[in-house]
Amino acid sequence: MQKKPLPGFSLIELMIVVTIIGVLAAIAIPSYHDYIRRARFAEVIAATAPFKTSISLALQQGIPASQLKNGAHGIPSAPASTKNLAHLLVKDGVITATGTDIAGGLTLILTPNADGSKWIMSGTCLAAGLCSD
């Protein structure tokens, strides 16, 4: 009389599954972290939009860039810090936004041309690949 094999997985089958899961995790986790960093810094980038608009309007109205700062000539006051935005400063028409440590602590600097129609992007976020020129 033959014994019936017990249902279940063999050790080799389990080892193969664990190996596949390990390889997938090794690929997915760095991509996930990069995605999270980009999403967090996106809040910093989005926070600059109303400031860019107000600076462009002020420059087109003939207000010198040297007079453009937070709370003057229609430029909004500095926003309160958030989970991802440490601070946002406008000085001489140049916007400097800094992320919190959780967002990488990187900076985004936006400099307008003479009439505010084009912006030059610089800062540490460029080298980190979190913002694009």
N, C-alpha and C. Protein backbone atom coordinates (compact mmCIF):
# COMPACT_ATOMS: atom_id res chain seq x y z
N MET A 1 0.82 -1.17 0.00
CA MET A 1 0.00 0.00 0.00
C MET A 1 0.88 1.26 0.00
N GLN A 2 0.58 2.17 -0.94
CA GLN A 2 1.37 3.39 -1.09
C GLN A 2 0.81 4.50 -0.22
N LYS A 3 1.75 5.30 0.31
CA LYS A 3 1.33 6.46 1.09
C LYS A 3 1.01 7.60 0.15
N LYS A 4 -0.03 8.35 0.45
CA LYS A 4 -0.36 9.54 -0.33
C LYS A 4 0.54 10.68 0.12
N PRO A 5 1.10 11.44 -0.85
CA PRO A 5 1.93 12.58 -0.44
C PRO A 5 1.08 13.63 0.25
N LEU A 6 1.67 14.26 1.24
CA LEU A 6 0.97 15.32 1.97
C LEU A 6 0.92 16.58 1.10
N PRO A 7 -0.20 17.27 1.11
CA PRO A 7 -0.28 18.51 0.32
C PRO A 7 0.60 19.59 0.94
N GLY A 8 1.14 20.47 0.11
CA GLY A 8 1.97 21.56 0.61
C GLY A 8 3.08 21.87 -0.38
N PHE A 9 3.99 22.72 0.05
CA PHE A 9 5.08 23.15 -0.80
C PHE A 9 6.37 22.50 -0.33
N SER A 10 7.24 22.23 -1.27
CA SER A 10 8.55 21.70 -0.90
C SER A 10 9.44 22.86 -0.48
N LEU A 11 10.52 22.54 0.13
CA LEU A 11 11.46 23.56 0.60
C LEU A 11 12.02 24.36 -0.58
N ILE A 12 12.33 23.71 -1.66
CA ILE A 12 12.89 24.42 -2.82
C ILE A 12 11.89 25.40 -3.41
N GLU A 13 10.62 25.03 -3.45
CA GLU A 13 9.59 25.95 -3.95
C GLU A 13 9.49 27.18 -3.07
N LEU A 14 9.54 27.00 -1.77
CA LEU A 14 9.49 28.14 -0.85
C LEU A 14 10.72 29.04 -1.00
N MET A 15 11.88 28.43 -1.20
CA MET A 15 13.11 29.22 -1.37
C MET A 15 13.05 30.04 -2.65
N ILE A 16 12.49 29.49 -3.71
CA ILE A 16 12.36 30.22 -4.97
C ILE A 16 11.42 31.42 -4.79
N VAL A 17 10.31 31.23 -4.12
CA VAL A 17 9.36 32.32 -3.89
C VAL A 17 9.99 33.42 -3.05
N VAL A 18 10.71 33.06 -2.01
CA VAL A 18 11.37 34.05 -1.15
C VAL A 18 12.42 34.82 -1.96
N THR A 19 13.16 34.14 -2.82
CA THR A 19 14.16 34.81 -3.65
C THR A 19 13.51 35.80 -4.61
N ILE A 20 12.42 35.41 -5.23
CA ILE A 20 11.71 36.31 -6.15
C ILE A 20 11.21 37.54 -5.41
N ILE A 21 10.64 37.35 -4.24
CA ILE A 21 10.15 38.48 -3.44
C ILE A 21 11.31 39.40 -3.05
N GLY A 22 12.45 38.83 -2.70
CA GLY A 22 13.62 39.63 -2.35
C GLY A 22 14.11 40.48 -3.50
N VAL A 23 14.14 39.91 -4.70
CA VAL A 23 14.58 40.66 -5.89
C VAL A 23 13.61 41.79 -6.19
N LEU A 24 12.33 41.51 -6.13
CA LEU A 24 11.32 42.55 -6.38
C LEU A 24 11.42 43.68 -5.35
N ALA A 25 11.64 43.33 -4.09
CA ALA A 25 11.77 44.35 -3.05
C ALA A 25 13.02 45.20 -3.27
N ALA A 26 14.11 44.56 -3.69
CA ALA A 26 15.35 45.30 -3.92
C ALA A 26 15.19 46.32 -5.05
N ILE A 27 14.33 46.04 -6.00
CA ILE A 27 14.08 46.97 -7.09
C ILE A 27 13.05 48.02 -6.70
N ALA A 28 12.01 47.63 -5.99
CA ALA A 28 10.89 48.52 -5.71
C ALA A 28 11.17 49.55 -4.61
N ILE A 29 11.89 49.19 -3.59
CA ILE A 29 12.07 50.09 -2.44
C ILE A 29 12.82 51.38 -2.82
N PRO A 30 13.93 51.33 -3.56
CA PRO A 30 14.57 52.61 -3.96
C PRO A 30 13.66 53.46 -4.85
N SER A 31 12.91 52.83 -5.73
CA SER A 31 11.99 53.60 -6.58
C SER A 31 10.91 54.26 -5.75
N TYR A 32 10.43 53.57 -4.75
CA TYR A 32 9.40 54.11 -3.86
C TYR A 32 9.95 55.32 -3.10
N HIS A 33 11.16 55.22 -2.58
CA HIS A 33 11.75 56.34 -1.84
C HIS A 33 11.94 57.56 -2.74
N ASP A 34 12.37 57.34 -3.98
CA ASP A 34 12.52 58.45 -4.91
C ASP A 34 11.17 59.10 -5.21
N TYR A 35 10.16 58.29 -5.39
CA TYR A 35 8.81 58.81 -5.64
C TYR A 35 8.32 59.65 -4.46
N ILE A 36 8.54 59.19 -3.26
CA ILE A 36 8.11 59.92 -2.06
C ILE A 36 8.86 61.26 -1.96
N ARG A 37 10.16 61.27 -2.22
CA ARG A 37 10.93 62.52 -2.17
C ARG A 37 10.41 63.52 -3.20
N ARG A 38 10.12 63.05 -4.41
CA ARG A 38 9.59 63.94 -5.44
C ARG A 38 8.22 64.49 -5.05
N ALA A 39 7.39 63.64 -4.49
CA ALA A 39 6.05 64.09 -4.09
C ALA A 39 6.13 65.13 -2.98
N ARG A 40 7.03 64.93 -2.03
CA ARG A 40 7.17 65.89 -0.94
C ARG A 40 7.71 67.23 -1.45
N PHE A 41 8.68 67.18 -2.36
CA PHE A 41 9.23 68.44 -2.86
C PHE A 41 8.27 69.13 -3.81
N ALA A 42 7.32 68.39 -4.38
CA ALA A 42 6.32 68.99 -5.26
C ALA A 42 5.51 70.05 -4.51
N GLU A 43 5.30 69.86 -3.21
CA GLU A 43 4.60 70.87 -2.42
C GLU A 43 5.41 72.17 -2.37
N VAL A 44 6.71 72.06 -2.26
CA VAL A 44 7.58 73.24 -2.22
C VAL A 44 7.48 73.98 -3.56
N ILE A 45 7.52 73.23 -4.66
CA ILE A 45 7.43 73.84 -5.99
C ILE A 45 6.06 74.50 -6.18
N ALA A 46 5.01 73.82 -5.77
CA ALA A 46 3.65 74.37 -5.93
C ALA A 46 3.44 75.63 -5.11
N ALA A 47 4.11 75.73 -3.98
CA ALA A 47 3.95 76.90 -3.12
C ALA A 47 4.49 78.17 -3.78
N THR A 48 5.35 78.04 -4.76
CA THR A 48 5.93 79.22 -5.41
C THR A 48 5.00 79.83 -6.47
N ALA A 49 3.99 79.12 -6.92
CA ALA A 49 3.14 79.57 -8.02
C ALA A 49 2.50 80.95 -7.79
N PRO A 50 1.83 81.20 -6.65
CA PRO A 50 1.23 82.53 -6.49
C PRO A 50 2.27 83.65 -6.40
N PHE A 51 3.45 83.32 -5.93
CA PHE A 51 4.51 84.33 -5.82
C PHE A 51 5.05 84.66 -7.21
N LYS A 52 5.20 83.65 -8.06
CA LYS A 52 5.65 83.89 -9.43
C LYS A 52 4.66 84.80 -10.16
N THR A 53 3.38 84.52 -10.00
CA THR A 53 2.37 85.33 -10.68
C THR A 53 2.40 86.78 -10.20
N SER A 54 2.45 86.97 -8.89
CA SER A 54 2.43 88.34 -8.37
C SER A 54 3.71 89.10 -8.71
N ILE A 55 4.83 88.44 -8.73
CA ILE A 55 6.08 89.12 -9.11
C ILE A 55 6.05 89.49 -10.59
N SER A 56 5.55 88.59 -11.42
CA SER A 56 5.44 88.89 -12.86
C SER A 56 4.55 90.10 -13.09
N LEU A 57 3.42 90.16 -12.40
CA LEU A 57 2.52 91.31 -12.54
C LEU A 57 3.18 92.60 -12.08
N ALA A 58 3.89 92.53 -10.96
CA ALA A 58 4.55 93.73 -10.45
C ALA A 58 5.63 94.22 -11.41
N LEU A 59 6.40 93.31 -11.97
CA LEU A 59 7.45 93.70 -12.92
C LEU A 59 6.85 94.30 -14.18
N GLN A 60 5.72 93.75 -14.65
CA GLN A 60 5.07 94.27 -15.84
C GLN A 60 4.42 95.63 -15.59
N GLN A 61 4.15 95.94 -14.33
CA GLN A 61 3.61 97.25 -13.97
C GLN A 61 4.72 98.28 -13.79
N GLY A 62 5.96 97.85 -13.94
CA GLY A 62 7.09 98.77 -13.86
C GLY A 62 7.70 98.92 -12.48
N ILE A 63 7.33 98.09 -11.56
CA ILE A 63 7.92 98.16 -10.22
C ILE A 63 9.30 97.51 -10.29
N PRO A 64 10.33 98.20 -9.80
CA PRO A 64 11.68 97.62 -9.86
C PRO A 64 11.80 96.36 -9.01
N ALA A 65 12.61 95.43 -9.50
CA ALA A 65 12.79 94.16 -8.78
C ALA A 65 13.35 94.37 -7.38
N SER A 66 14.13 95.42 -7.20
CA SER A 66 14.73 95.68 -5.89
C SER A 66 13.69 95.99 -4.81
N GLN A 67 12.46 96.35 -5.22
CA GLN A 67 11.39 96.65 -4.26
C GLN A 67 10.48 95.46 -4.00
N LEU A 68 10.71 94.36 -4.68
CA LEU A 68 9.80 93.22 -4.56
C LEU A 68 10.23 92.29 -3.43
N LYS A 69 9.38 92.20 -2.43
CA LYS A 69 9.62 91.32 -1.29
C LYS A 69 8.28 90.86 -0.74
N ASN A 70 8.31 89.94 0.19
CA ASN A 70 7.07 89.42 0.79
C ASN A 70 6.25 90.57 1.39
N GLY A 71 4.97 90.59 1.05
CA GLY A 71 4.05 91.55 1.64
C GLY A 71 4.06 92.92 0.99
N ALA A 72 4.80 93.13 -0.09
CA ALA A 72 4.87 94.44 -0.74
C ALA A 72 4.44 94.33 -2.20
N HIS A 73 3.74 95.35 -2.71
CA HIS A 73 3.36 95.45 -4.12
C HIS A 73 2.55 94.24 -4.60
N GLY A 74 1.66 93.75 -3.76
CA GLY A 74 0.79 92.65 -4.15
C GLY A 74 1.39 91.27 -4.02
N ILE A 75 2.61 91.19 -3.52
CA ILE A 75 3.25 89.89 -3.32
C ILE A 75 2.79 89.36 -1.96
N PRO A 76 2.32 88.12 -1.92
CA PRO A 76 1.81 87.58 -0.64
C PRO A 76 2.88 87.55 0.45
N SER A 77 2.41 87.58 1.68
CA SER A 77 3.32 87.41 2.81
C SER A 77 3.89 86.00 2.79
N ALA A 78 4.96 85.81 3.52
CA ALA A 78 5.57 84.48 3.58
C ALA A 78 4.57 83.49 4.16
N PRO A 79 4.41 82.34 3.52
CA PRO A 79 3.44 81.36 4.02
C PRO A 79 3.96 80.69 5.29
N ALA A 80 3.03 80.15 6.05
CA ALA A 80 3.41 79.40 7.25
C ALA A 80 4.11 78.11 6.84
N SER A 81 4.99 77.66 7.68
CA SER A 81 5.68 76.39 7.41
C SER A 81 4.67 75.25 7.41
N THR A 82 4.96 74.25 6.59
CA THR A 82 4.13 73.04 6.53
C THR A 82 5.04 71.85 6.79
N LYS A 83 4.47 70.68 6.61
CA LYS A 83 5.26 69.45 6.80
C LYS A 83 6.42 69.37 5.82
N ASN A 84 6.24 69.93 4.61
CA ASN A 84 7.26 69.84 3.58
C ASN A 84 7.93 71.16 3.23
N LEU A 85 7.29 72.28 3.52
CA LEU A 85 7.84 73.60 3.20
C LEU A 85 8.35 74.26 4.48
N ALA A 86 9.66 74.49 4.55
CA ALA A 86 10.24 75.14 5.72
C ALA A 86 9.98 76.64 5.67
N HIS A 87 10.36 77.28 4.57
CA HIS A 87 10.08 78.72 4.41
C HIS A 87 10.17 79.11 2.95
N LEU A 88 9.55 80.25 2.65
CA LEU A 88 9.55 80.80 1.30
C LEU A 88 9.78 82.29 1.43
N LEU A 89 10.82 82.77 0.81
CA LEU A 89 11.23 84.17 0.94
C LEU A 89 11.32 84.81 -0.44
N VAL A 90 10.81 86.03 -0.55
CA VAL A 90 10.97 86.82 -1.77
C VAL A 90 11.83 88.03 -1.41
N LYS A 91 12.94 88.17 -2.11
CA LYS A 91 13.83 89.30 -1.87
C LYS A 91 14.36 89.76 -3.22
N ASP A 92 14.18 91.03 -3.54
CA ASP A 92 14.60 91.61 -4.82
C ASP A 92 13.99 90.85 -6.00
N GLY A 93 12.77 90.35 -5.82
CA GLY A 93 12.07 89.64 -6.88
C GLY A 93 12.47 88.19 -7.06
N VAL A 94 13.43 87.73 -6.28
CA VAL A 94 13.91 86.35 -6.36
C VAL A 94 13.21 85.52 -5.29
N ILE A 95 12.65 84.40 -5.70
CA ILE A 95 11.93 83.50 -4.79
C ILE A 95 12.90 82.41 -4.34
N THR A 96 13.00 82.23 -3.03
CA THR A 96 13.80 81.14 -2.47
C THR A 96 12.89 80.31 -1.58
N ALA A 97 12.66 79.08 -1.99
CA ALA A 97 11.81 78.16 -1.22
C ALA A 97 12.68 77.02 -0.71
N THR A 98 12.52 76.70 0.55
CA THR A 98 13.32 75.64 1.17
C THR A 98 12.40 74.58 1.74
N GLY A 99 12.73 73.34 1.44
CA GLY A 99 11.98 72.22 1.97
C GLY A 99 12.44 71.86 3.37
N THR A 100 11.58 71.20 4.11
CA THR A 100 11.94 70.73 5.44
C THR A 100 12.87 69.52 5.31
N ASP A 101 13.37 69.05 6.42
CA ASP A 101 14.24 67.87 6.40
C ASP A 101 13.54 66.67 5.79
N ILE A 102 12.25 66.52 6.08
CA ILE A 102 11.50 65.38 5.55
C ILE A 102 11.37 65.47 4.03
N ALA A 103 11.43 66.68 3.48
CA ALA A 103 11.37 66.89 2.02
C ALA A 103 12.77 66.99 1.43
N GLY A 104 13.78 66.68 2.20
CA GLY A 104 15.15 66.69 1.70
C GLY A 104 15.96 67.90 2.09
N GLY A 105 15.32 68.95 2.63
CA GLY A 105 16.04 70.15 3.04
C GLY A 105 16.65 70.91 1.87
N LEU A 106 16.15 70.68 0.68
CA LEU A 106 16.71 71.29 -0.53
C LEU A 106 16.07 72.65 -0.79
N THR A 107 16.74 73.44 -1.62
CA THR A 107 16.22 74.77 -1.96
C THR A 107 15.86 74.86 -3.44
N LEU A 108 14.90 75.71 -3.72
CA LEU A 108 14.50 76.05 -5.07
C LEU A 108 14.59 77.57 -5.17
N ILE A 109 15.38 78.06 -6.11
CA ILE A 109 15.55 79.49 -6.30
C ILE A 109 15.03 79.84 -7.69
N LEU A 110 14.09 80.77 -7.75
CA LEU A 110 13.50 81.21 -9.01
C LEU A 110 13.82 82.68 -9.22
N THR A 111 14.49 82.99 -10.33
CA THR A 111 14.88 84.35 -10.64
C THR A 111 14.18 84.79 -11.93
N PRO A 112 13.41 85.90 -11.88
CA PRO A 112 12.69 86.34 -13.08
C PRO A 112 13.60 87.13 -14.02
N ASN A 113 13.21 87.17 -15.29
CA ASN A 113 13.90 88.08 -16.20
C ASN A 113 13.33 89.49 -15.96
N ALA A 114 13.72 90.46 -16.76
CA ALA A 114 13.35 91.86 -16.51
C ALA A 114 11.85 92.11 -16.48
N ASP A 115 11.07 91.41 -17.30
CA ASP A 115 9.62 91.65 -17.31
C ASP A 115 8.82 90.53 -16.66
N GLY A 116 9.49 89.55 -16.08
CA GLY A 116 8.79 88.48 -15.37
C GLY A 116 8.15 87.44 -16.26
N SER A 117 8.49 87.43 -17.54
CA SER A 117 7.87 86.46 -18.44
C SER A 117 8.59 85.12 -18.44
N LYS A 118 9.83 85.09 -18.01
CA LYS A 118 10.61 83.85 -17.94
C LYS A 118 11.30 83.78 -16.59
N TRP A 119 11.48 82.55 -16.13
CA TRP A 119 12.09 82.32 -14.83
C TRP A 119 13.28 81.39 -14.98
N ILE A 120 14.36 81.71 -14.27
CA ILE A 120 15.54 80.85 -14.23
C ILE A 120 15.49 80.07 -12.92
N MET A 121 15.58 78.76 -13.03
CA MET A 121 15.51 77.89 -11.86
C MET A 121 16.92 77.47 -11.46
N SER A 122 17.20 77.56 -10.17
CA SER A 122 18.47 77.09 -9.63
C SER A 122 18.22 76.58 -8.22
N GLY A 123 19.27 76.20 -7.54
CA GLY A 123 19.13 75.68 -6.19
C GLY A 123 19.60 74.23 -6.11
N THR A 124 19.59 73.72 -4.91
CA THR A 124 20.08 72.36 -4.68
C THR A 124 19.13 71.28 -5.19
N CYS A 125 17.89 71.65 -5.47
CA CYS A 125 16.94 70.66 -5.98
C CYS A 125 17.30 70.19 -7.38
N LEU A 126 18.00 71.01 -8.15
CA LEU A 126 18.41 70.62 -9.51
C LEU A 126 19.37 69.45 -9.48
N ALA A 127 20.39 69.55 -8.64
CA ALA A 127 21.39 68.48 -8.56
C ALA A 127 20.77 67.19 -8.02
N ALA A 128 19.78 67.34 -7.15
CA ALA A 128 19.12 66.15 -6.58
C ALA A 128 18.08 65.56 -7.54
N GLY A 129 17.77 66.27 -8.60
CA GLY A 129 16.80 65.77 -9.58
C GLY A 129 15.36 65.90 -9.15
N LEU A 130 15.08 66.78 -8.18
CA LEU A 130 13.70 66.94 -7.70
C LEU A 130 12.97 68.08 -8.39
N CYS A 131 13.68 68.90 -9.13
CA CYS A 131 13.04 69.93 -9.94
C CYS A 131 13.80 69.98 -11.25
N SER A 132 13.17 70.47 -12.28
CA SER A 132 13.84 70.48 -13.58
C SER A 132 13.83 71.89 -14.15
N ASP A 133 14.87 72.20 -14.85
CA ASP A 133 15.04 73.53 -15.42
C ASP A 133 14.18 73.71 -16.65
